[in-house]
C-alpha atoms as a PDB file:
ATOM      1  CA  MET A   1     -47.111 -99.677  86.635  1.00  0.00           C
ATOM      2  CA  GLU A   2     -48.426 -98.540  83.280  1.00  0.00           C
ATOM      3  CA  PRO A   3     -50.867 -95.005  83.602  1.00  0.00           C
ATOM      4  CA  HIS A   4     -54.484 -94.321  81.948  1.00  0.00           C
ATOM      5  CA  PHE A   5     -53.719 -91.664  80.154  1.00  0.00           C
ATOM      6  CA  GLN A   6     -56.789 -89.160  79.770  1.00  0.00           C
ATOM      7  CA  THR A   7     -57.037 -86.170  77.419  1.00  0.00           C
ATOM      8  CA  LEU A   8     -58.128 -82.991  78.313  1.00  0.00           C
ATOM      9  CA  THR A   9     -59.011 -79.685  76.418  1.00  0.00           C
ATOM     10  CA  LEU A  10     -58.433 -76.440  78.015  1.00  0.00           C
ATOM     11  CA  ASP A  11     -59.004 -73.226  75.808  1.00  0.00           C
ATOM     12  CA  GLU A  12     -59.316 -75.696  72.653  1.00  0.00           C
ATOM     13  CA  VAL A  13     -55.827 -77.485  73.681  1.00  0.00           C
ATOM     14  CA  PRO A  14     -55.635 -81.136  73.944  1.00  0.00           C
ATOM     15  CA  ARG A  15     -53.829 -82.098  76.700  1.00  0.00           C
ATOM     16  CA  ARG A  16     -52.622 -85.617  78.085  1.00  0.00           C
ATOM     17  CA  LEU A  17     -52.997 -86.779  81.579  1.00  0.00           C
ATOM     18  CA  ALA A  18     -51.200 -89.943  83.128  1.00  0.00           C
ATOM     19  CA  ARG A  19     -53.113 -91.439  85.544  1.00  0.00           C
ATOM     20  CA  TRP A  20     -52.416 -94.317  88.403  1.00  0.00           C
ATOM     21  CA  THR A  21     -54.584 -95.871  90.901  1.00  0.00           C
ATOM     22  CA  SER A  22     -52.493 -98.151  93.614  1.00  0.00           C
ATOM     23  CA  GLY A  23     -53.770 -99.482  96.940  1.00  0.00           C
ATOM     24  CA  ASP A  24     -56.738 -98.294  98.624  1.00  0.00           C
ATOM     25  CA  SER A  25     -55.291 -95.109 100.270  1.00  0.00           C
ATOM     26  CA  PRO A  26     -57.567 -91.934  99.493  1.00  0.00           C
ATOM     27  CA  ARG A  27     -54.616 -89.906  99.039  1.00  0.00           C
ATOM     28  CA  GLN A  28     -54.704 -87.952  95.980  1.00  0.00           C
ATOM     29  CA  PHE A  29     -51.494 -86.684  94.491  1.00  0.00           C
ATOM     30  CA  LEU A  30     -50.846 -83.975  91.370  1.00  0.00           C
ATOM     31  CA  ALA A  31     -47.128 -84.505  89.923  1.00  0.00           C
ATOM     32  CA  LEU A  32     -45.996 -82.183  87.799  1.00  0.00           C
ATOM     33  CA  HIS A  33     -42.325 -82.918  85.927  1.00  0.00           C
ATOM     34  CA  GLY A  34     -39.543 -81.044  85.032  1.00  0.00           C
ATOM     35  CA  PHE A  35     -38.294 -79.284  82.172  1.00  0.00           C
ATOM     36  CA  THR A  36     -37.468 -82.381  80.258  1.00  0.00           C
ATOM     37  CA  GLY A  37     -39.756 -84.435  81.439  1.00  0.00           C
ATOM     38  CA  SER A  38     -43.311 -85.921  81.009  1.00  0.00           C
ATOM     39  CA  GLY A  39     -45.868 -87.322  83.378  1.00  0.00           C
ATOM     40  CA  VAL A  40     -45.101 -90.940  82.867  1.00  0.00           C
ATOM     41  CA  ASP A  41     -41.620 -90.037  84.822  1.00  0.00           C
ATOM     42  CA  TRP A  42     -43.870 -90.627  87.688  1.00  0.00           C
ATOM     43  CA  ALA A  43     -44.837 -94.236  87.589  1.00  0.00           C
ATOM     44  CA  PRO A  44     -41.703 -95.428  89.907  1.00  0.00           C
ATOM     45  CA  PHE A  45     -43.542 -93.229  92.601  1.00  0.00           C
ATOM     46  CA  ALA A  46     -46.728 -93.783  91.723  1.00  0.00           C
ATOM     47  CA  ALA A  47     -45.791 -98.063  91.757  1.00  0.00           C
ATOM     48  CA  ARG A  48     -44.559 -97.437  95.283  1.00  0.00           C
ATOM     49  CA  VAL A  49     -46.655 -94.612  97.255  1.00  0.00           C
ATOM     50  CA  PRO A  50     -50.250 -96.250  97.410  1.00  0.00           C
ATOM     51  CA  GLY A  51     -53.294 -93.113  96.257  1.00  0.00           C
ATOM     52  CA  GLU A  52     -54.452 -91.680  93.414  1.00  0.00           C
ATOM     53  CA  TRP A  53     -51.756 -90.146  90.761  1.00  0.00           C
ATOM     54  CA  VAL A  54     -52.751 -87.306  87.786  1.00  0.00           C
ATOM     55  CA  ALA A  55     -49.342 -86.149  86.469  1.00  0.00           C
ATOM     56  CA  PRO A  56     -50.102 -83.889  83.031  1.00  0.00           C
ATOM     57  CA  ASP A  57     -47.714 -83.349  79.639  1.00  0.00           C
ATOM     58  CA  LEU A  58     -47.077 -80.052  79.951  1.00  0.00           C
ATOM     59  CA  LEU A  59     -47.156 -77.851  76.936  1.00  0.00           C
ATOM     60  CA  GLY A  60     -44.370 -78.972  74.595  1.00  0.00           C
ATOM     61  CA  HIS A  61     -43.860 -82.216  76.059  1.00  0.00           C
ATOM     62  CA  ALA A  62     -44.205 -85.560  75.558  1.00  0.00           C
ATOM     63  CA  VAL A  63     -47.407 -85.692  72.968  1.00  0.00           C
ATOM     64  CA  SER A  64     -48.769 -82.147  74.234  1.00  0.00           C
ATOM     65  CA  PRO A  65     -48.434 -79.399  71.435  1.00  0.00           C
ATOM     66  CA  ALA A  66     -46.444 -76.553  71.867  1.00  0.00           C
ATOM     67  CA  LEU A  67     -47.539 -73.117  72.911  1.00  0.00           C
END
């Protein structure tokens, strides 16, 4: 399952969010990746667990700028 990407600007710094919606479940998940990961690491979970998923790329990871 491929995510939909959204860019959110906070404190003048653009940050990328990966978003998935699967099934008709009202559940919502905020998924944070580990030290060497990125938001798309959660794709396998979003494909298996119905709901709305949001996974940001933390600063310095994937396409988000460094501090």
